[in-house]
Amino acid sequence: MTSQVTTWRVNPGRGADFLTGVAEAKKLHLKMGADQVWVTQHVSGGNPGTISYMLVFESAEKWGKFADAASTNTEWLAFWAKVQQNPSAVIVDQSMYSDLGI
């Protein structure tokens, strides 16, 4: 199992806009080949109140195909261009995780 996690800090007053975008992104990412998409809010630790968006894939190979295809997926590129015109959040962190199988 491989996961790609992006953690966001939502701009003040933009929570509804951000969640609307997340719902659209989730639909696109599942259509593009992600096996699961998890959206969680941090309640403790170093970044309380931030939101993590986790793409989950059965394998690193499947993630690689997804990542390669994302750079040419017209629906995704149009969505990303739209949300970047007036961002509702900023990226705090991006990480990749790999299941150790134990």
Foldseek 3Di string as FASTA:
>chain_A
DKKKKWKKAFDPPLVVVVVVLLVVVQVVLVVLQFPHWDKDAACDDDDHGIIMIMGHDPDPVSVVSSVVVLVPPPVNVVSVVVCVVPPRIDTPDIDMDDDPPD
